[in-house]
C-alpha atoms as a PDB file:
ATOM      1  CA  MET A   1      23.277  14.637   0.034  1.00  0.00           C
ATOM      2  CA  GLY A   2      19.635  13.908   0.411  1.00  0.00           C
ATOM      3  CA  ILE A   3      16.632  15.223  -1.663  1.00  0.00           C
ATOM      4  CA  SER A   4      15.063  18.109  -0.432  1.00  0.00           C
ATOM      5  CA  SER A   5      11.450  17.536   0.269  1.00  0.00           C
ATOM      6  CA  LYS A   6      10.457  21.157  -0.564  1.00  0.00           C
ATOM      7  CA  SER A   7      11.041  20.547  -4.100  1.00  0.00           C
ATOM      8  CA  LEU A   8       8.716  17.595  -4.170  1.00  0.00           C
ATOM      9  CA  THR A   9       5.086  17.692  -5.479  1.00  0.00           C
ATOM     10  CA  VAL A  10       2.256  15.599  -4.749  1.00  0.00           C
ATOM     11  CA  PRO A  11       1.590  13.583  -8.052  1.00  0.00           C
ATOM     12  CA  GLN A  12      -2.030  14.440  -9.226  1.00  0.00           C
ATOM     13  CA  PHE A  13      -4.124  11.542 -10.290  1.00  0.00           C
ATOM     14  CA  SER A  14      -7.237  12.262 -12.694  1.00  0.00           C
ATOM     15  CA  GLY A  15      -8.779   8.993 -12.175  1.00  0.00           C
ATOM     16  CA  LYS A  16      -8.050   7.843 -15.740  1.00  0.00           C
ATOM     17  CA  GLU A  17      -7.213   4.175 -15.869  1.00  0.00           C
ATOM     18  CA  ASP A  18      -4.353   4.792 -18.539  1.00  0.00           C
ATOM     19  CA  LYS A  19      -2.465   7.277 -16.087  1.00  0.00           C
ATOM     20  CA  TYR A  20      -2.688   4.972 -13.127  1.00  0.00           C
ATOM     21  CA  GLU A  21       0.622   3.339 -13.506  1.00  0.00           C
ATOM     22  CA  VAL A  22       2.516   6.294 -13.991  1.00  0.00           C
ATOM     23  CA  TRP A  23       1.064   7.932 -11.269  1.00  0.00           C
ATOM     24  CA  LEU A  24       1.508   5.068  -8.833  1.00  0.00           C
ATOM     25  CA  TYR A  25       5.309   5.053  -9.773  1.00  0.00           C
ATOM     26  CA  LYS A  26       5.497   8.729  -8.838  1.00  0.00           C
ATOM     27  CA  LEU A  27       3.600   8.372  -5.503  1.00  0.00           C
ATOM     28  CA  LYS A  28       6.041   5.438  -4.597  1.00  0.00           C
ATOM     29  CA  ALA A  29       8.908   7.792  -5.345  1.00  0.00           C
ATOM     30  CA  VAL A  30       7.437  10.405  -2.969  1.00  0.00           C
ATOM     31  CA  ALA A  31       6.934   7.765  -0.454  1.00  0.00           C
ATOM     32  CA  VAL A  32      10.385   6.477  -0.641  1.00  0.00           C
ATOM     33  CA  THR A  33      11.797  10.247  -0.152  1.00  0.00           C
ATOM     34  CA  LYS A  34       9.403  10.648   2.606  1.00  0.00           C
ATOM     35  CA  GLU A  35      10.490   7.458   4.246  1.00  0.00           C
ATOM     36  CA  PHE A  36       7.055   5.723   4.229  1.00  0.00           C
ATOM     37  CA  VAL A  37       6.925   3.503   1.103  1.00  0.00           C
ATOM     38  CA  ASP A  38       6.501   0.338   3.219  1.00  0.00           C
ATOM     39  CA  ALA A  39       3.000   1.951   3.944  1.00  0.00           C
ATOM     40  CA  LEU A  40       2.221   1.009   0.174  1.00  0.00           C
ATOM     41  CA  ASP A  41       2.688  -2.806   0.693  1.00  0.00           C
ATOM     42  CA  LYS A  42       0.377  -4.729   2.944  1.00  0.00           C
ATOM     43  CA  ASP A  43       2.971  -7.256   3.919  1.00  0.00           C
ATOM     44  CA  LYS A  44       5.635  -4.711   4.930  1.00  0.00           C
ATOM     45  CA  CYS A  45       3.474  -2.192   6.417  1.00  0.00           C
ATOM     46  CA  GLY A  46       3.599  -3.436   9.853  1.00  0.00           C
ATOM     47  CA  LEU A  47       0.244  -2.151  10.832  1.00  0.00           C
ATOM     48  CA  PRO A  48      -1.404  -3.679  14.099  1.00  0.00           C
ATOM     49  CA  PRO A  49      -4.226  -6.069  13.722  1.00  0.00           C
ATOM     50  CA  ASP A  50      -6.371  -3.612  15.910  1.00  0.00           C
ATOM     51  CA  PRO A  51      -4.790  -0.101  16.257  1.00  0.00           C
ATOM     52  CA  SER A  52      -7.174   0.751  19.186  1.00  0.00           C
ATOM     53  CA  THR A  53      -4.988  -1.852  21.389  1.00  0.00           C
ATOM     54  CA  VAL A  54      -1.594  -0.177  20.447  1.00  0.00           C
ATOM     55  CA  GLU A  55      -1.553   1.565  23.912  1.00  0.00           C
ATOM     56  CA  GLN A  56      -1.878  -1.841  25.781  1.00  0.00           C
ATOM     57  CA  GLU A  57       0.928  -3.251  23.803  1.00  0.00           C
ATOM     58  CA  THR A  58       3.504  -4.353  26.727  1.00  0.00           C
ATOM     59  CA  ASP A  59       6.625  -4.841  24.156  1.00  0.00           C
ATOM     60  CA  ALA A  60       7.898  -1.481  23.885  1.00  0.00           C
ATOM     61  CA  ASP A  61       9.843  -2.327  20.505  1.00  0.00           C
ATOM     62  CA  LYS A  62       6.588  -3.690  18.783  1.00  0.00           C
ATOM     63  CA  LYS A  63       4.601  -0.823  20.400  1.00  0.00           C
ATOM     64  CA  LYS A  64       7.146   1.692  18.697  1.00  0.00           C
ATOM     65  CA  GLN A  65       7.105  -0.187  15.348  1.00  0.00           C
ATOM     66  CA  TYR A  66       2.876  -0.151  15.508  1.00  0.00           C
ATOM     67  CA  GLU A  67       3.088   3.787  16.372  1.00  0.00           C
ATOM     68  CA  GLN A  68       5.443   4.218  13.343  1.00  0.00           C
ATOM     69  CA  ALA A  69       3.432   2.203  11.140  1.00  0.00           C
ATOM     70  CA  ILE A  70       0.253   4.072  11.866  1.00  0.00           C
ATOM     71  CA  LYS A  71       2.001   7.292  11.194  1.00  0.00           C
ATOM     72  CA  ASN A  72       3.344   6.158   7.946  1.00  0.00           C
ATOM     73  CA  ASN A  73      -0.149   5.002   6.944  1.00  0.00           C
ATOM     74  CA  LYS A  74      -1.667   8.306   7.954  1.00  0.00           C
ATOM     75  CA  MET A  75       0.938  10.072   5.928  1.00  0.00           C
ATOM     76  CA  LEU A  76       0.323   7.924   2.738  1.00  0.00           C
ATOM     77  CA  MET A  77      -3.557   8.497   3.070  1.00  0.00           C
ATOM     78  CA  ALA A  78      -2.952  12.307   3.240  1.00  0.00           C
ATOM     79  CA  LEU A  79      -0.739  12.007   0.209  1.00  0.00           C
ATOM     80  CA  ILE A  80      -3.200  10.074  -1.671  1.00  0.00           C
ATOM     81  CA  THR A  81      -6.043  12.234  -0.727  1.00  0.00           C
ATOM     82  CA  MET A  82      -3.986  15.395  -2.052  1.00  0.00           C
ATOM     83  CA  ALA A  83      -3.281  13.465  -5.214  1.00  0.00           C
ATOM     84  CA  LEU A  84      -7.074  13.048  -6.323  1.00  0.00           C
ATOM     85  CA  ASP A  85      -7.613  16.202  -8.358  1.00  0.00           C
ATOM     86  CA  ASN A  86     -11.312  15.369  -8.885  1.00  0.00           C
ATOM     87  CA  LEU A  87     -14.050  15.196  -6.128  1.00  0.00           C
ATOM     88  CA  ASP A  88     -15.698  12.451  -8.096  1.00  0.00           C
ATOM     89  CA  LEU A  89     -12.802  10.141  -7.208  1.00  0.00           C
ATOM     90  CA  PHE A  90     -13.826  10.686  -3.676  1.00  0.00           C
ATOM     91  CA  GLY A  91     -17.075   9.302  -4.405  1.00  0.00           C
ATOM     92  CA  LEU A  92     -18.913  12.747  -3.303  1.00  0.00           C
END
């Protein structure tokens, strides 16, 4: 039996250094359940060297892997954006 994504909430980050480690573990937990945890690891993320060249990739498997890595990265960035509960953290 899987975990229902409807029951997951985005862990909020206040920007306080002493809260970062706990927040990161919670973020990783959400990323695991959403199946994009590898996007958090630069060595495992699988992003192409130049995302603008993915369409020209001739190896179909590699192209598919790149497209999935780009999708996972976008999901992670959206999650992180939603987690920031203070506009100052955006540098605005």
